[in-house]
Amino acid sequence: MTHGVVLEVEIHAPVGVVWELLTNPAQIVRWLGVSATLDPRPHGQFRFELFDGQYCSGRYVEVIPDRRVVFTWGWEDPAIPIPPGSTTVEIDLESRGPERTRLRLVHTGLDEAMEQLHADGWQRYLQRLAAVAEGRDVPPDPSLPHQGPEATRNPLARGDPA
C-alpha cells in the first residue's frame, strides 16, 4: 500500500524567491544537497547529490512558474528501496502578499516505512529552504550524520529498522 507525505510551511519571502530556490540548480543547493542538475520543464531532468555519492533523481512532470512544480523522485543507490522516478513530489506555491508564500508539498508513492523517513527529511529540509528564503541562519543539514569517516548508516538503506 502506498502512502503520502503532506507538509505546509509559511515562508516570509516573495513567491519568486521561493520558486528560484526550488528550480534553479545554484539556489537549490543552498538548502538541499551539494550539487544539482535541474531542467524544470516537462520531461526535463531532476537530479541532485544530497552528499558525496548519494543521488536522488527523476523527471519533471508539470511546471507552472511561481505556482506549481511536480517531479518524480527516487534514489540511485540500490540499497534504498525507492528507485529513480518511482514516487512523485508535488509542490504548490501560493502568494500570501508581497513578502509571504505558502508552500504545500505532497510526496506520494512511498511505502509506510519510507513515508515516515521522508516526512522527517522533508520537514527538516523545508525549514532550511524557509531560512534561506528569509535570510536567516540555516539549520544544520540533516544528512550530516551520514557523511564522512564517522558516518552512521543512512536510515533509508535496506536492512535498517524503520
Protein backbone atom coordinates (compact mmCIF):
# COMPACT_ATOMS: atom_id res chain seq x y z
CA MET A 1 0.00 0.00 0.00
CA THR A 2 1.29 3.46 -0.82
CA HIS A 3 1.06 6.43 1.47
CA GLY A 4 1.91 10.08 1.25
CA VAL A 5 3.65 12.91 3.00
CA VAL A 6 1.79 16.23 3.18
CA LEU A 7 3.53 19.29 4.61
CA GLU A 8 2.76 23.00 4.57
CA VAL A 9 5.03 25.85 5.53
CA GLU A 10 4.59 29.64 5.56
CA ILE A 11 7.66 31.41 4.24
CA HIS A 12 8.23 35.14 4.78
CA ALA A 13 9.56 35.77 1.28
CA PRO A 14 8.07 36.54 -2.14
CA VAL A 15 6.88 33.59 -4.21
CA GLY A 16 9.52 34.35 -6.88
CA VAL A 17 12.32 33.86 -4.34
CA VAL A 18 10.88 30.52 -3.22
CA TRP A 19 10.42 29.43 -6.86
CA GLU A 20 14.09 30.10 -7.61
CA LEU A 21 15.11 28.07 -4.56
CA LEU A 22 13.12 25.13 -5.95
CA THR A 23 14.06 25.27 -9.64
CA ASN A 24 17.48 26.93 -10.02
CA PRO A 25 20.41 24.50 -9.52
CA ALA A 26 22.60 27.20 -7.95
CA GLN A 27 19.83 28.05 -5.49
CA ILE A 28 18.55 24.58 -4.57
CA VAL A 29 21.97 23.58 -3.19
CA ARG A 30 21.72 26.42 -0.67
CA TRP A 31 19.20 24.27 1.22
CA LEU A 32 19.23 20.77 -0.35
CA GLY A 33 22.31 18.84 -1.40
CA VAL A 34 25.75 19.74 -2.68
CA SER A 35 25.20 19.72 -6.46
CA ALA A 36 22.20 19.68 -8.79
CA THR A 37 21.21 19.27 -12.42
CA LEU A 38 17.75 20.68 -12.97
CA ASP A 39 15.85 21.19 -16.23
CA PRO A 40 12.49 22.45 -14.93
CA ARG A 41 10.22 21.68 -17.87
CA PRO A 42 8.01 18.65 -18.55
CA HIS A 43 10.24 15.56 -19.07
CA GLY A 44 13.32 17.57 -18.02
CA GLN A 45 15.86 16.02 -15.67
CA PHE A 46 15.66 16.42 -11.90
CA ARG A 47 18.83 15.22 -10.14
CA PHE A 48 20.72 16.32 -7.08
CA GLU A 49 23.53 14.97 -4.94
CA LEU A 50 22.45 15.03 -1.31
CA PHE A 51 26.02 14.33 -0.18
CA ASP A 52 29.08 12.76 -1.76
CA GLY A 53 27.89 9.86 -3.92
CA GLN A 54 24.22 9.87 -2.78
CA TYR A 55 21.99 10.94 -5.69
CA CYS A 56 18.25 11.46 -5.98
CA SER A 57 16.75 11.71 -9.46
CA GLY A 58 13.60 11.81 -11.54
CA ARG A 59 11.87 13.83 -14.23
CA TYR A 60 9.73 16.94 -14.16
CA VAL A 61 6.07 16.23 -14.84
CA GLU A 62 4.46 19.67 -14.53
CA VAL A 63 5.97 23.14 -14.24
CA ILE A 64 3.89 26.28 -13.78
CA PRO A 65 6.32 29.12 -12.92
CA ASP A 66 5.83 30.66 -9.49
CA ARG A 67 2.87 28.31 -8.78
CA ARG A 68 3.48 24.58 -9.13
CA VAL A 69 6.21 22.05 -9.78
CA VAL A 70 5.74 18.28 -9.95
CA PHE A 71 8.56 15.78 -10.41
CA THR A 72 9.22 12.10 -9.97
CA TRP A 73 11.62 11.12 -7.21
CA GLY A 74 13.85 8.22 -6.25
CA TRP A 75 17.32 7.26 -5.09
CA GLU A 76 20.06 5.96 -7.38
CA ASP A 77 21.59 3.91 -4.55
CA PRO A 78 20.13 0.39 -4.95
CA ALA A 79 20.28 -0.07 -1.16
CA ILE A 80 17.46 2.48 -0.84
CA PRO A 81 14.20 0.81 -1.91
CA ILE A 82 12.91 3.82 -3.87
CA PRO A 83 14.29 3.70 -7.42
CA PRO A 84 14.52 6.88 -9.51
CA GLY A 85 11.15 8.02 -10.77
CA SER A 86 9.14 5.65 -8.55
CA THR A 87 7.46 8.30 -6.38
CA THR A 88 6.05 11.76 -7.07
CA VAL A 89 6.60 15.12 -5.36
CA GLU A 90 4.11 17.96 -5.91
CA ILE A 91 4.92 21.44 -4.63
CA ASP A 92 2.35 24.21 -4.80
CA LEU A 93 3.11 27.84 -4.00
CA GLU A 94 0.52 30.41 -3.04
CA SER A 95 1.34 34.09 -2.66
CA ARG A 96 0.01 35.45 0.61
CA GLY A 97 1.09 39.01 -0.10
CA PRO A 98 4.27 40.60 -1.44
CA GLU A 99 6.50 39.05 1.24
CA ARG A 100 4.74 35.80 2.16
CA THR A 101 4.37 32.43 0.44
CA ARG A 102 2.55 29.28 1.47
CA LEU A 103 4.34 26.15 0.26
CA ARG A 104 2.47 22.84 0.19
CA LEU A 105 4.42 19.65 -0.52
CA VAL A 106 2.82 16.27 -1.25
CA HIS A 107 5.09 13.23 -1.74
CA THR A 108 3.18 10.11 -2.86
CA GLY A 109 4.08 6.55 -3.77
CA LEU A 110 6.07 5.79 -0.61
CA ASP A 111 5.55 2.67 1.46
CA GLU A 112 4.85 3.09 5.16
CA ALA A 113 8.49 2.73 6.30
CA MET A 114 9.78 5.24 3.77
CA GLU A 115 6.91 7.65 4.38
CA GLN A 116 7.99 8.45 7.94
CA LEU A 117 11.65 8.86 6.99
CA HIS A 118 10.78 11.16 4.08
CA ALA A 119 8.29 13.14 6.19
CA ASP A 120 11.07 13.83 8.69
CA GLY A 121 13.57 14.67 5.95
CA TRP A 122 11.22 16.97 4.05
CA GLN A 123 10.26 18.76 7.28
CA ARG A 124 13.91 19.47 8.05
CA TYR A 125 14.81 20.50 4.51
CA LEU A 126 11.78 22.77 4.19
CA GLN A 127 12.96 24.51 7.39
CA ARG A 128 16.28 25.07 5.62
CA LEU A 129 14.52 26.38 2.48
CA ALA A 130 12.49 28.83 4.58
CA ALA A 131 15.61 30.03 6.41
CA VAL A 132 17.46 30.67 3.14
CA ALA A 133 14.45 32.45 1.61
CA GLU A 134 14.02 34.62 4.71
CA GLY A 135 17.74 35.42 5.07
CA ARG A 136 18.03 33.64 8.44
CA ASP A 137 20.71 31.28 9.73
CA VAL A 138 20.25 27.92 8.05
CA PRO A 139 19.73 24.89 10.33
CA PRO A 140 22.30 22.09 10.03
CA ASP A 141 21.96 19.74 7.07
CA PRO A 142 20.04 16.64 8.27
CA SER A 143 22.28 14.42 6.15
CA LEU A 144 25.48 15.38 8.05
CA PRO A 145 25.43 12.30 10.33
CA HIS A 146 25.56 10.11 7.19
CA GLN A 147 28.66 11.77 5.71
CA GLY A 148 32.39 11.31 6.18
CA PRO A 149 34.50 8.78 8.05
CA GLU A 150 32.39 8.93 11.24
CA ALA A 151 29.13 8.48 9.30
CA THR A 152 26.21 6.45 10.56
CA ARG A 153 24.37 4.27 8.08
CA ASN A 154 21.72 6.04 6.02
CA PRO A 155 18.35 5.03 7.58
CA LEU A 156 16.79 4.83 4.10
CA ALA A 157 19.05 1.90 3.16
CA ARG A 158 17.67 -1.63 3.23
CA GLY A 159 18.33 -3.59 6.37
CA ASP A 160 17.89 -0.73 8.84
CA PRO A 161 14.88 -0.79 11.16
CA ALA A 162 12.17 1.67 10.23
